[in-house]
Protein backbone atom coordinates (compact mmCIF):
# COMPACT_ATOMS: atom_id res chain seq x y z
CA MET A 1 1.64 24.88 10.96
CA SER A 2 3.56 26.34 8.07
CA GLY A 3 7.15 25.39 7.67
CA GLY A 4 7.20 22.53 9.72
CA GLY A 5 5.29 19.27 10.88
CA THR A 6 1.74 18.91 12.47
CA GLN A 7 3.22 19.97 15.76
CA GLY A 8 2.40 16.85 17.52
CA ALA A 9 -1.43 17.43 17.61
CA ALA A 10 -1.99 14.56 15.11
CA PRO A 11 1.19 13.07 13.95
CA VAL A 12 1.42 12.37 10.37
CA TRP A 13 3.91 9.44 9.29
CA ALA A 14 4.66 9.31 5.55
CA ILE A 15 5.33 5.82 4.20
CA VAL A 16 7.37 5.42 0.87
CA VAL A 17 8.14 1.96 -0.40
CA HIS A 18 11.19 1.74 -2.18
CA TYR A 19 11.98 -0.63 -5.23
CA GLY A 20 13.82 0.13 -8.50
CA ALA A 21 16.31 2.98 -9.15
CA PRO A 22 16.98 5.24 -6.03
CA ALA A 23 16.28 8.57 -7.82
CA PRO A 24 12.35 8.46 -8.25
CA THR A 25 12.40 7.42 -4.15
CA ARG A 26 14.66 10.49 -3.48
CA ARG A 27 12.52 12.80 -5.59
CA THR A 28 9.46 11.70 -3.75
CA LEU A 29 11.17 12.23 -0.42
CA ASP A 30 12.42 15.56 -1.34
CA SER A 31 8.78 16.65 -2.40
CA LEU A 32 7.68 15.61 0.93
CA ARG A 33 10.33 17.59 2.75
CA ALA A 34 9.62 20.58 0.78
CA GLY A 35 5.92 21.01 1.92
CA THR A 36 4.77 24.05 3.59
CA VAL A 37 3.57 21.47 6.11
CA ARG A 38 6.12 18.44 6.51
CA PRO A 39 5.39 14.90 7.91
CA ASP A 40 6.19 14.57 11.36
CA GLN A 41 8.08 11.29 10.42
CA LEU A 42 9.32 9.89 7.14
CA LEU A 43 9.61 6.10 6.81
CA VAL A 44 11.07 4.03 3.79
CA VAL A 45 10.30 0.48 3.50
CA ASP A 46 13.22 -0.92 1.50
CA ASN A 47 11.82 -3.54 -0.52
CA GLN A 48 14.95 -3.92 -2.87
CA GLY A 49 17.66 -4.12 0.02
CA ASP A 50 20.02 -1.47 -1.44
CA TRP A 51 18.68 1.67 0.29
CA GLU A 52 21.39 3.67 1.85
CA ASP A 53 21.06 5.39 5.30
CA GLU A 54 19.30 8.50 5.14
CA PRO A 55 19.49 11.58 7.49
CA GLY A 56 18.03 11.52 10.88
CA ASP A 57 14.54 12.66 9.64
CA VAL A 58 13.94 9.01 8.06
CA ILE A 59 13.32 5.63 9.51
CA VAL A 60 14.32 2.75 7.09
CA VAL A 61 12.58 -0.56 7.41
CA ARG A 62 14.23 -3.31 5.84
CA PRO A 63 11.91 -6.46 5.51
CA GLY A 64 14.82 -8.53 3.86
CA ALA A 65 12.72 -9.30 0.66
CA ASN A 66 10.38 -7.66 -1.76
CA LEU A 67 6.96 -7.69 -0.35
CA GLY A 68 5.35 -5.86 -3.12
CA CYS A 69 3.58 -2.52 -2.56
CA ALA A 70 0.86 -4.19 -0.58
CA GLY A 71 3.35 -5.88 1.88
CA GLY A 72 5.61 -2.73 2.05
CA THR A 73 2.88 -0.49 3.06
CA ALA A 74 1.66 -2.96 5.59
CA GLU A 75 5.03 -3.16 7.18
CA GLY A 76 5.26 0.81 7.06
CA ALA A 77 1.78 1.25 8.48
CA ARG A 78 2.55 -1.40 11.39
CA ALA A 79 5.69 0.90 12.30
CA ALA A 80 3.74 4.00 11.86
CA LEU A 81 0.91 2.80 14.19
CA ALA A 82 3.44 1.40 16.71
CA GLY A 83 5.15 4.88 16.70
CA GLY A 84 2.01 6.82 17.86
CA ALA A 85 0.84 8.09 14.22
CA ALA A 86 -2.55 9.63 13.95
CA TRP A 87 -2.56 9.82 10.28
CA VAL A 88 -0.40 7.38 8.00
CA TRP A 89 0.20 9.00 4.51
CA PHE A 90 1.11 6.18 1.81
CA VAL A 91 3.05 7.83 -0.99
CA ASN A 92 4.05 5.98 -4.16
CA ASN A 93 7.74 6.34 -4.89
CA ASP A 94 7.22 7.51 -8.51
CA ALA A 95 4.72 10.40 -7.14
CA VAL A 96 5.63 13.87 -6.23
CA VAL A 97 3.43 16.14 -3.72
CA ALA A 98 2.82 19.69 -4.37
CA PRO A 99 4.07 22.07 -1.60
CA ARG A 100 0.76 22.69 -0.07
CA CYS A 101 -0.57 19.25 -0.44
CA LEU A 102 -0.33 17.93 3.10
CA ALA A 103 -1.48 21.34 4.34
CA ALA A 104 -4.58 20.91 2.44
CA LEU A 105 -4.97 17.20 3.38
CA VAL A 106 -4.59 17.98 7.20
CA ASP A 107 -7.14 21.05 6.98
CA ALA A 108 -9.75 19.19 5.25
CA ALA A 109 -9.40 16.17 7.78
CA GLY A 110 -9.55 18.53 10.81
CA LYS A 111 -13.19 19.79 9.30
CA LEU A 112 -14.39 16.02 8.70
CA PRO A 113 -14.22 13.91 11.81
CA ASP A 114 -15.67 10.95 9.81
CA ALA A 115 -13.13 10.93 7.00
CA GLY A 116 -11.28 7.79 6.97
CA ILE A 117 -9.12 8.01 3.84
CA LEU A 118 -8.46 11.20 1.90
CA SER A 119 -6.62 11.84 -1.40
CA PRO A 120 -5.18 14.65 -3.30
CA LEU A 121 -6.26 15.22 -6.97
CA ILE A 122 -3.34 13.28 -8.79
CA ALA A 123 -2.06 14.59 -12.40
CA TYR A 124 -0.12 12.81 -14.91
CA GLY A 125 3.55 13.90 -14.79
CA ASP A 126 3.21 15.43 -18.25
CA GLY A 127 -0.04 17.08 -17.74
CA GLY A 128 -3.91 16.15 -17.29
CA LEU A 129 -5.52 14.64 -14.22
CA TRP A 130 -4.86 10.85 -13.53
CA TYR A 131 -7.32 10.61 -10.72
CA ALA A 132 -10.02 12.81 -9.50
CA GLY A 133 -12.02 10.05 -7.75
CA GLY A 134 -12.83 6.62 -8.72
CA LYS A 135 -15.57 4.01 -8.88
CA VAL A 136 -15.93 0.35 -8.18
CA ASP A 137 -18.66 -1.67 -9.82
CA PRO A 138 -20.07 -4.12 -7.38
CA ARG A 139 -21.26 -6.46 -9.76
CA SER A 140 -18.24 -6.98 -11.62
CA PHE A 141 -15.55 -5.24 -9.71
CA ALA A 142 -14.44 -3.23 -12.42
CA VAL A 143 -12.41 -0.25 -11.19
CA SER A 144 -12.25 3.30 -13.07
CA HIS A 145 -10.86 6.66 -12.43
CA LEU A 146 -12.74 9.91 -12.97
CA SER A 147 -10.58 12.51 -14.85
CA ALA A 148 -12.53 15.59 -13.69
CA PRO A 149 -13.45 16.99 -10.30
CA PRO A 150 -16.84 18.49 -9.39
CA ALA A 151 -16.78 22.18 -9.47
CA THR A 152 -16.15 22.61 -5.78
CA PRO A 153 -13.20 23.48 -3.55
CA ASP A 154 -14.82 21.29 -1.04
CA ALA A 155 -13.66 17.66 -0.31
CA PHE A 156 -16.09 15.30 -1.95
CA ASP A 157 -16.95 11.59 -1.63
CA THR A 158 -15.50 8.75 -3.83
CA GLY A 159 -15.77 5.23 -4.44
CA TYR A 160 -12.34 4.33 -3.59
CA VAL A 161 -9.11 5.98 -3.05
CA THR A 162 -6.05 5.33 -5.18
CA GLY A 163 -2.92 4.33 -3.36
CA CYS A 164 -0.74 6.75 -4.91
CA ALA A 165 -0.97 9.17 -2.22
CA MET A 166 -3.64 8.04 0.34
CA PHE A 167 -3.90 10.00 3.74
CA VAL A 168 -5.38 7.30 6.14
CA ARG A 169 -6.69 7.98 9.63
CA ALA A 170 -4.97 5.62 12.14
CA ALA A 171 -8.32 4.68 13.90
CA ALA A 172 -9.67 3.66 10.33
CA LEU A 173 -6.57 1.52 9.89
CA GLU A 174 -7.02 -0.08 13.46
CA ALA A 175 -10.40 -0.78 12.77
CA ALA A 176 -10.37 -2.00 9.17
CA GLY A 177 -7.06 -3.57 9.33
CA LEU A 178 -3.74 -3.02 7.43
CA PRO A 179 -3.26 -3.30 3.36
CA ASP A 180 -3.54 -6.76 2.55
CA ALA A 181 0.06 -8.20 1.84
CA ARG A 182 -1.16 -11.29 0.21
CA LEU A 183 -2.41 -9.28 -2.71
CA PHE A 184 1.43 -8.24 -3.32
CA MET A 185 0.71 -5.22 -5.74
CA TYR A 186 -2.60 -3.55 -7.31
CA LEU A 187 -6.10 -3.39 -5.93
CA GLU A 188 -4.88 -3.49 -2.37
CA ASP A 189 -5.95 0.03 -2.30
CA VAL A 190 -9.43 -0.70 -3.55
CA ASP A 191 -9.62 -3.67 -0.76
CA LEU A 192 -8.52 -1.28 1.84
CA SER A 193 -10.78 1.72 0.90
CA LEU A 194 -13.87 -0.79 0.79
CA ARG A 195 -12.93 -2.27 4.19
CA VAL A 196 -12.56 1.28 5.63
CA ARG A 197 -15.99 2.37 4.40
CA ARG A 198 -17.70 -0.71 5.77
CA HIS A 199 -16.46 0.27 9.33
CA GLY A 200 -18.47 3.73 8.75
CA TRP A 201 -15.42 5.96 7.75
CA ARG A 202 -15.77 8.31 4.46
CA LEU A 203 -13.46 8.03 1.44
CA LEU A 204 -12.92 11.62 0.19
CA VAL A 205 -10.75 13.53 -2.47
CA VAL A 206 -9.40 16.96 -1.49
CA PRO A 207 -9.41 19.09 -4.93
CA THR A 208 -7.05 21.86 -3.23
CA ALA A 209 -4.20 19.14 -2.69
CA LEU A 210 -2.36 17.93 -5.48
CA ALA A 211 0.27 15.28 -6.30
CA THR A 212 1.75 13.98 -9.81
CA HIS A 213 2.28 10.41 -10.62
CA ASP A 214 4.67 8.87 -13.38
CA VAL A 215 2.26 6.67 -15.26
CA GLU A 216 3.43 4.78 -18.15
CA ARG A 217 1.44 5.56 -21.49
CA ARG A 218 1.89 5.06 -25.09
CA ALA A 219 -0.07 7.43 -27.48
CA GLY A 220 -1.92 8.47 -24.57
CA ARG A 221 -2.91 5.30 -23.24
CA ARG A 222 -2.02 3.48 -20.16
CA VAL A 223 0.23 0.52 -20.67
CA PHE A 224 0.85 -2.51 -18.33
CA SER A 225 3.57 -4.94 -18.13
CA ALA A 226 2.87 -8.59 -18.38
CA THR A 227 3.37 -8.93 -14.57
CA SER A 228 1.04 -6.11 -13.99
CA VAL A 229 -1.52 -7.60 -16.14
CA TYR A 230 -1.21 -10.81 -14.16
CA LEU A 231 -1.54 -9.20 -10.81
CA ILE A 232 -4.45 -6.92 -11.68
CA THR A 233 -6.39 -9.82 -13.54
CA ARG A 234 -5.65 -12.14 -10.54
CA ASN A 235 -6.58 -9.54 -7.82
CA ARG A 236 -9.82 -8.37 -9.40
CA LEU A 237 -10.97 -11.81 -9.30
CA VAL A 238 -9.72 -12.68 -5.80
CA LEU A 239 -11.55 -9.70 -4.49
CA ALA A 240 -14.66 -10.38 -6.51
CA GLY A 241 -14.61 -13.84 -4.99
CA ARG A 242 -14.49 -12.43 -1.56
CA CYS A 243 -17.51 -10.28 -2.28
CA GLY A 244 -19.59 -13.03 -3.84
CA ALA A 245 -19.13 -11.42 -7.24
CA LEU A 246 -16.81 -13.87 -9.01
CA PRO A 247 -19.04 -15.18 -11.92
CA ARG A 248 -19.88 -11.84 -12.95
CA ALA A 249 -16.35 -10.53 -12.78
CA VAL A 250 -14.72 -12.98 -14.98
CA PRO A 251 -16.14 -11.69 -18.42
CA PRO A 252 -15.06 -8.08 -17.71
CA ALA A 253 -11.71 -9.05 -16.27
CA LEU A 254 -11.12 -11.26 -19.51
CA ALA A 255 -12.17 -8.25 -21.77
CA TRP A 256 -9.86 -5.88 -20.01
CA SER A 257 -6.77 -8.33 -20.07
CA LEU A 258 -7.56 -8.70 -23.86
CA ARG A 259 -7.32 -4.91 -24.26
CA GLN A 260 -3.99 -5.08 -22.90
CA THR A 261 -2.56 -7.33 -25.57
CA VAL A 262 -3.72 -5.01 -28.16
CA LYS A 263 -1.46 -2.37 -26.85
CA ALA A 264 1.54 -4.33 -26.50
CA ALA A 265 4.49 -3.07 -28.34
CA SER A 266 5.89 -6.34 -29.96
CA ARG A 267 4.61 -9.72 -30.89
CA GLY A 268 6.95 -11.11 -28.08
CA THR A 269 5.46 -8.93 -25.56
CA ARG A 270 2.03 -9.64 -26.67
CA GLY A 271 2.62 -13.22 -26.15
CA GLN A 272 4.02 -12.53 -22.65
CA VAL A 273 0.77 -10.65 -21.72
CA VAL A 274 -1.54 -13.23 -23.19
CA GLY A 275 0.48 -15.83 -20.85
CA ALA A 276 0.05 -13.50 -17.84
CA MET A 277 -3.81 -12.78 -18.63
CA ALA A 278 -4.44 -16.93 -18.76
CA ARG A 279 -2.68 -17.30 -15.57
CA GLY A 280 -4.13 -14.49 -13.82
CA LEU A 281 -7.45 -15.56 -14.68
CA LEU A 282 -6.88 -19.09 -13.54
CA ASP A 283 -5.24 -18.04 -10.26
CA GLY A 284 -7.79 -15.29 -9.65
CA VAL A 285 -10.69 -18.00 -9.85
CA ARG A 286 -8.95 -20.20 -7.45
CA GLY A 287 -7.93 -17.59 -5.13
CA VAL A 288 -4.38 -17.56 -5.44
CA THR A 289 -2.40 -14.72 -3.68
CA GLY A 290 1.04 -13.92 -3.08
CA PRO A 291 4.03 -12.67 -5.35
CA PRO A 292 3.65 -13.18 -8.94
CA PRO A 293 5.10 -16.23 -10.60
CA VAL A 294 8.82 -16.06 -11.72
CA ARG A 295 8.74 -16.07 -15.56
CA ARG A 296 11.26 -18.57 -16.68
CA ARG A 297 13.91 -17.50 -19.36
CA ARG A 298 14.33 -19.29 -22.34
């Protein structure tokens, strides 16, 4: 399979949702093209509405509105399944995959017929591992990453697969359903992972596959915008409510949100994060979904 696609045996469609500056999306596409094994089809979901036509190797889907990461991946997956994909590879537009990443994922998938979703190891762009598997606490719906893989070259099971570069079997998507567009962004990967596992498929990390991810950090700690704090807080409680874990999930969700206020760069930013936290808690308890509320300018 070296030097080309998967030769049609199990077609792979790579889905990249575009939003923001074009350079990161182009860098992601270039890394996909540079693989020793390339996806059989590249597809860009243009959430921003400004993506220029690509060469013939890229299909562009233009939904006409910003659907968020969750809605964009759902649109891309729908097109991929209709096009006959056997595997759908969701790759964030701020991620870069290593040249042998897809080759390693395809090789592992061929040996694991019960694999529903696989992921590469994912490193920070400036070094160190960002994702080497993850955990979901069923009591509080707290989500955490592991920073070191087991000492094995073999694929290993994980509690959930991050959406950064998730490699999903089409049959698992058809059984469990598409990413939940109502979540807009954040934790849609956790929700999809748990649904896929409930349908009997395994979730795995492939340590011989690697990608890097641009993650905003300050003094070595992950930082989030006010909008991100709102969506993470809200979606965590929405998903906890669906699992009957809402009462137990509220205190740790509040604690996580408060930690984000401490990391705010300024008093003004801190106030925005506090407001986002309060709104996220309220909307999460109420089960509100959809795009984040538009913050009014003063």
